[in-house]
Amino acid sequence: MIIRTLFTAVLSVVMGFGAVQVAAAQSSSGSGVSMRTLLQRGFEIKAAAPNGSQYVVFLQKGKAAYACEFKTLTSSRCGAINSESE
C-alpha cells in the first residue's frame, strides 16, 4: 500500500512538472541496470507517464521500486527510487 501511494505521489509530480531526475540513473548502454534487465528479473510495470517526447516508467518487485526514462525503444535510464532497490 505504501509503494502504491509512493507511485501516485511520484506520478503526480511527473505530470505536474513534466520532468523527472532519477537519482543514480544509469544508461542501458553503460554499466548500469536497464529496463530490460529489470523485466528479466521479474519487475512489473506499475505506471507510465509522459515526460516531453519521452516516457517515465515505474517498475516494482516486492518492496523494490525503479523509475526508468525511455529515450528510444532500445535505450533507457533506470534508477532506484527507494532503499529496498539497492
N, C-alpha and C. Protein backbone atom coordinates (compact mmCIF):
# COMPACT_ATOMS: atom_id res chain seq x y z
N MET A 1 0.82 -1.18 0.00
CA MET A 1 0.00 0.00 0.00
C MET A 1 0.87 1.25 0.00
N ILE A 2 1.98 1.22 0.73
CA ILE A 2 2.88 2.37 0.78
C ILE A 2 3.51 2.63 -0.58
N ILE A 3 3.90 1.55 -1.27
CA ILE A 3 4.50 1.70 -2.60
C ILE A 3 3.50 2.30 -3.57
N ARG A 4 2.24 1.88 -3.50
CA ARG A 4 1.20 2.43 -4.38
C ARG A 4 1.02 3.92 -4.12
N THR A 5 1.05 4.33 -2.86
CA THR A 5 0.96 5.74 -2.50
C THR A 5 2.17 6.50 -3.03
N LEU A 6 3.35 5.88 -2.91
CA LEU A 6 4.57 6.50 -3.42
C LEU A 6 4.47 6.69 -4.94
N PHE A 7 3.99 5.67 -5.66
CA PHE A 7 3.84 5.79 -7.11
C PHE A 7 2.87 6.90 -7.48
N THR A 8 1.77 6.98 -6.75
CA THR A 8 0.79 8.03 -7.02
C THR A 8 1.40 9.41 -6.82
N ALA A 9 2.17 9.57 -5.75
CA ALA A 9 2.81 10.86 -5.48
C ALA A 9 3.83 11.20 -6.55
N VAL A 10 4.66 10.23 -6.92
CA VAL A 10 5.68 10.46 -7.95
C VAL A 10 5.02 10.76 -9.29
N LEU A 11 3.98 10.02 -9.62
CA LEU A 11 3.28 10.25 -10.87
C LEU A 11 2.68 11.65 -10.91
N SER A 12 2.15 12.12 -9.79
CA SER A 12 1.60 13.48 -9.72
C SER A 12 2.68 14.53 -9.97
N VAL A 13 3.85 14.31 -9.40
CA VAL A 13 4.96 15.24 -9.61
C VAL A 13 5.37 15.25 -11.07
N VAL A 14 5.46 14.06 -11.68
CA VAL A 14 5.85 13.96 -13.09
C VAL A 14 4.85 14.68 -13.96
N MET A 15 3.58 14.46 -13.72
CA MET A 15 2.56 15.10 -14.54
C MET A 15 2.53 16.61 -14.31
N GLY A 16 2.78 17.04 -13.08
CA GLY A 16 2.74 18.46 -12.76
C GLY A 16 3.91 19.24 -13.32
N PHE A 17 5.09 18.69 -13.24
CA PHE A 17 6.28 19.41 -13.67
C PHE A 17 6.83 18.95 -15.01
N GLY A 18 6.41 17.77 -15.46
CA GLY A 18 6.82 17.29 -16.77
C GLY A 18 8.27 16.85 -16.85
N ALA A 19 8.93 16.63 -15.72
CA ALA A 19 10.33 16.21 -15.75
C ALA A 19 10.63 15.39 -14.51
N VAL A 20 11.55 14.45 -14.66
CA VAL A 20 11.98 13.64 -13.52
C VAL A 20 13.49 13.51 -13.58
N GLN A 21 14.12 13.73 -12.45
CA GLN A 21 15.55 13.49 -12.33
C GLN A 21 15.69 12.27 -11.45
N VAL A 22 16.09 11.15 -12.00
CA VAL A 22 16.20 9.91 -11.25
C VAL A 22 17.57 9.86 -10.59
N ALA A 23 17.58 9.69 -9.28
CA ALA A 23 18.84 9.59 -8.55
C ALA A 23 19.59 8.35 -8.98
N ALA A 24 20.86 8.51 -9.20
CA ALA A 24 21.74 7.39 -9.57
C ALA A 24 21.30 6.74 -10.88
N ALA A 25 20.81 7.53 -11.82
CA ALA A 25 20.36 6.98 -13.09
C ALA A 25 21.53 6.42 -13.88
N GLN A 26 21.27 5.33 -14.55
CA GLN A 26 22.30 4.66 -15.33
C GLN A 26 21.78 4.48 -16.75
N SER A 27 22.66 4.52 -17.71
CA SER A 27 22.31 4.31 -19.11
C SER A 27 22.30 2.83 -19.42
N SER A 28 21.33 2.40 -20.24
CA SER A 28 21.27 0.98 -20.61
C SER A 28 22.46 0.61 -21.49
N SER A 29 23.10 1.58 -22.09
CA SER A 29 24.28 1.29 -22.91
C SER A 29 25.55 1.24 -22.07
N GLY A 30 25.46 1.66 -20.80
CA GLY A 30 26.61 1.66 -19.91
C GLY A 30 26.61 0.46 -18.99
N SER A 31 27.18 0.63 -17.80
CA SER A 31 27.31 -0.49 -16.88
C SER A 31 26.17 -0.57 -15.87
N GLY A 32 25.13 0.23 -16.01
CA GLY A 32 24.04 0.24 -15.04
C GLY A 32 22.96 -0.74 -15.38
N VAL A 33 21.87 -0.66 -14.63
CA VAL A 33 20.73 -1.55 -14.83
C VAL A 33 19.82 -0.96 -15.91
N SER A 34 19.32 -1.82 -16.77
CA SER A 34 18.41 -1.37 -17.83
C SER A 34 17.00 -1.87 -17.54
N MET A 35 16.04 -1.31 -18.22
CA MET A 35 14.66 -1.74 -18.05
C MET A 35 14.53 -3.21 -18.46
N ARG A 36 15.23 -3.59 -19.49
CA ARG A 36 15.21 -4.97 -19.95
C ARG A 36 15.67 -5.92 -18.84
N THR A 37 16.76 -5.55 -18.18
CA THR A 37 17.29 -6.36 -17.08
C THR A 37 16.29 -6.45 -15.95
N LEU A 38 15.67 -5.33 -15.60
CA LEU A 38 14.68 -5.33 -14.52
C LEU A 38 13.50 -6.22 -14.87
N LEU A 39 13.02 -6.17 -16.10
CA LEU A 39 11.91 -7.02 -16.51
C LEU A 39 12.31 -8.49 -16.46
N GLN A 40 13.54 -8.79 -16.87
CA GLN A 40 14.02 -10.17 -16.81
C GLN A 40 14.13 -10.66 -15.36
N ARG A 41 14.37 -9.74 -14.43
CA ARG A 41 14.47 -10.10 -13.00
C ARG A 41 13.10 -10.21 -12.34
N GLY A 42 12.04 -10.02 -13.09
CA GLY A 42 10.70 -10.19 -12.55
C GLY A 42 10.02 -8.92 -12.09
N PHE A 43 10.59 -7.75 -12.38
CA PHE A 43 9.93 -6.49 -12.03
C PHE A 43 8.73 -6.30 -12.95
N GLU A 44 7.68 -5.69 -12.42
CA GLU A 44 6.47 -5.42 -13.19
C GLU A 44 6.29 -3.93 -13.40
N ILE A 45 5.80 -3.55 -14.57
CA ILE A 45 5.49 -2.16 -14.85
C ILE A 45 4.22 -1.80 -14.10
N LYS A 46 4.31 -0.75 -13.28
CA LYS A 46 3.16 -0.33 -12.47
C LYS A 46 2.52 0.95 -12.98
N ALA A 47 3.28 1.81 -13.63
CA ALA A 47 2.75 3.08 -14.13
C ALA A 47 3.69 3.64 -15.18
N ALA A 48 3.15 4.52 -16.02
CA ALA A 48 3.96 5.23 -17.02
C ALA A 48 3.39 6.63 -17.16
N ALA A 49 4.28 7.58 -17.43
CA ALA A 49 3.85 8.97 -17.57
C ALA A 49 4.68 9.65 -18.65
N PRO A 50 4.06 10.49 -19.48
CA PRO A 50 4.83 11.21 -20.49
C PRO A 50 5.75 12.24 -19.84
N ASN A 51 6.89 12.42 -20.45
CA ASN A 51 7.88 13.40 -19.98
C ASN A 51 8.44 14.06 -21.24
N GLY A 52 7.71 15.02 -21.76
CA GLY A 52 8.09 15.63 -23.03
C GLY A 52 7.90 14.62 -24.15
N SER A 53 8.95 14.37 -24.92
CA SER A 53 8.88 13.39 -26.00
C SER A 53 9.26 11.99 -25.52
N GLN A 54 9.51 11.84 -24.22
CA GLN A 54 9.90 10.56 -23.64
C GLN A 54 8.85 10.10 -22.64
N TYR A 55 9.03 8.91 -22.10
CA TYR A 55 8.16 8.38 -21.05
C TYR A 55 8.98 7.97 -19.85
N VAL A 56 8.40 8.12 -18.67
CA VAL A 56 8.98 7.60 -17.45
C VAL A 56 8.11 6.42 -17.04
N VAL A 57 8.76 5.27 -16.82
CA VAL A 57 8.06 4.04 -16.49
C VAL A 57 8.49 3.63 -15.08
N PHE A 58 7.51 3.29 -14.24
CA PHE A 58 7.79 2.87 -12.87
C PHE A 58 7.61 1.37 -12.76
N LEU A 59 8.64 0.70 -12.20
CA LEU A 59 8.63 -0.75 -12.06
C LEU A 59 8.73 -1.13 -10.59
N GLN A 60 8.13 -2.27 -10.22
CA GLN A 60 8.15 -2.72 -8.84
C GLN A 60 8.23 -4.24 -8.77
N LYS A 61 8.96 -4.72 -7.76
CA LYS A 61 9.01 -6.14 -7.42
C LYS A 61 9.14 -6.18 -5.91
N GLY A 62 8.09 -6.65 -5.24
CA GLY A 62 8.09 -6.62 -3.78
C GLY A 62 8.14 -5.18 -3.30
N LYS A 63 9.12 -4.88 -2.45
CA LYS A 63 9.27 -3.52 -1.94
C LYS A 63 10.26 -2.69 -2.76
N ALA A 64 10.95 -3.31 -3.71
CA ALA A 64 11.92 -2.61 -4.55
C ALA A 64 11.20 -1.88 -5.68
N ALA A 65 11.63 -0.64 -5.95
CA ALA A 65 11.00 0.17 -6.99
C ALA A 65 12.06 0.93 -7.79
N TYR A 66 11.84 1.03 -9.09
CA TYR A 66 12.72 1.75 -10.00
C TYR A 66 11.89 2.66 -10.89
N ALA A 67 12.52 3.72 -11.36
CA ALA A 67 11.95 4.59 -12.39
C ALA A 67 12.89 4.54 -13.58
N CYS A 68 12.32 4.35 -14.77
CA CYS A 68 13.13 4.28 -15.99
C CYS A 68 12.64 5.33 -16.97
N GLU A 69 13.58 6.06 -17.54
CA GLU A 69 13.26 7.05 -18.56
C GLU A 69 13.53 6.42 -19.92
N PHE A 70 12.50 6.30 -20.73
CA PHE A 70 12.62 5.75 -22.06
C PHE A 70 13.10 6.84 -23.01
N LYS A 71 14.26 6.65 -23.62
CA LYS A 71 14.74 7.57 -24.65
C LYS A 71 14.29 7.08 -26.02
N THR A 72 14.57 5.83 -26.31
CA THR A 72 14.11 5.17 -27.52
C THR A 72 13.63 3.79 -27.12
N LEU A 73 13.20 3.02 -28.07
CA LEU A 73 12.72 1.67 -27.77
C LEU A 73 13.81 0.78 -27.19
N THR A 74 15.06 1.06 -27.53
CA THR A 74 16.16 0.21 -27.06
C THR A 74 17.07 0.91 -26.06
N SER A 75 16.77 2.13 -25.68
CA SER A 75 17.64 2.87 -24.76
C SER A 75 16.82 3.43 -23.61
N SER A 76 17.23 3.10 -22.39
CA SER A 76 16.54 3.61 -21.20
C SER A 76 17.56 3.90 -20.10
N ARG A 77 17.16 4.80 -19.19
CA ARG A 77 17.97 5.10 -18.00
C ARG A 77 17.11 4.74 -16.80
N CYS A 78 17.65 3.93 -15.91
CA CYS A 78 16.88 3.49 -14.75
C CYS A 78 17.62 3.81 -13.46
N GLY A 79 16.86 4.09 -12.44
CA GLY A 79 17.45 4.34 -11.14
C GLY A 79 16.51 3.91 -10.04
N ALA A 80 17.07 3.49 -8.93
CA ALA A 80 16.30 3.08 -7.77
C ALA A 80 15.61 4.30 -7.16
N ILE A 81 14.36 4.11 -6.75
CA ILE A 81 13.64 5.23 -6.12
C ILE A 81 13.37 4.94 -4.66
N ASN A 82 13.89 3.83 -4.13
CA ASN A 82 13.82 3.56 -2.70
C ASN A 82 15.00 2.73 -2.27
N SER A 83 15.24 2.66 -0.98
CA SER A 83 16.42 1.97 -0.47
C SER A 83 16.32 0.45 -0.59
N GLU A 84 15.12 -0.09 -0.79
CA GLU A 84 14.93 -1.52 -0.94
C GLU A 84 15.51 -2.03 -2.26
N SER A 85 15.71 -1.11 -3.22
CA SER A 85 16.16 -1.48 -4.56
C SER A 85 17.66 -1.65 -4.68
N GLU A 86 18.41 -1.10 -3.75
CA GLU A 86 19.86 -1.10 -3.88
C GLU A 86 20.49 -2.34 -3.33
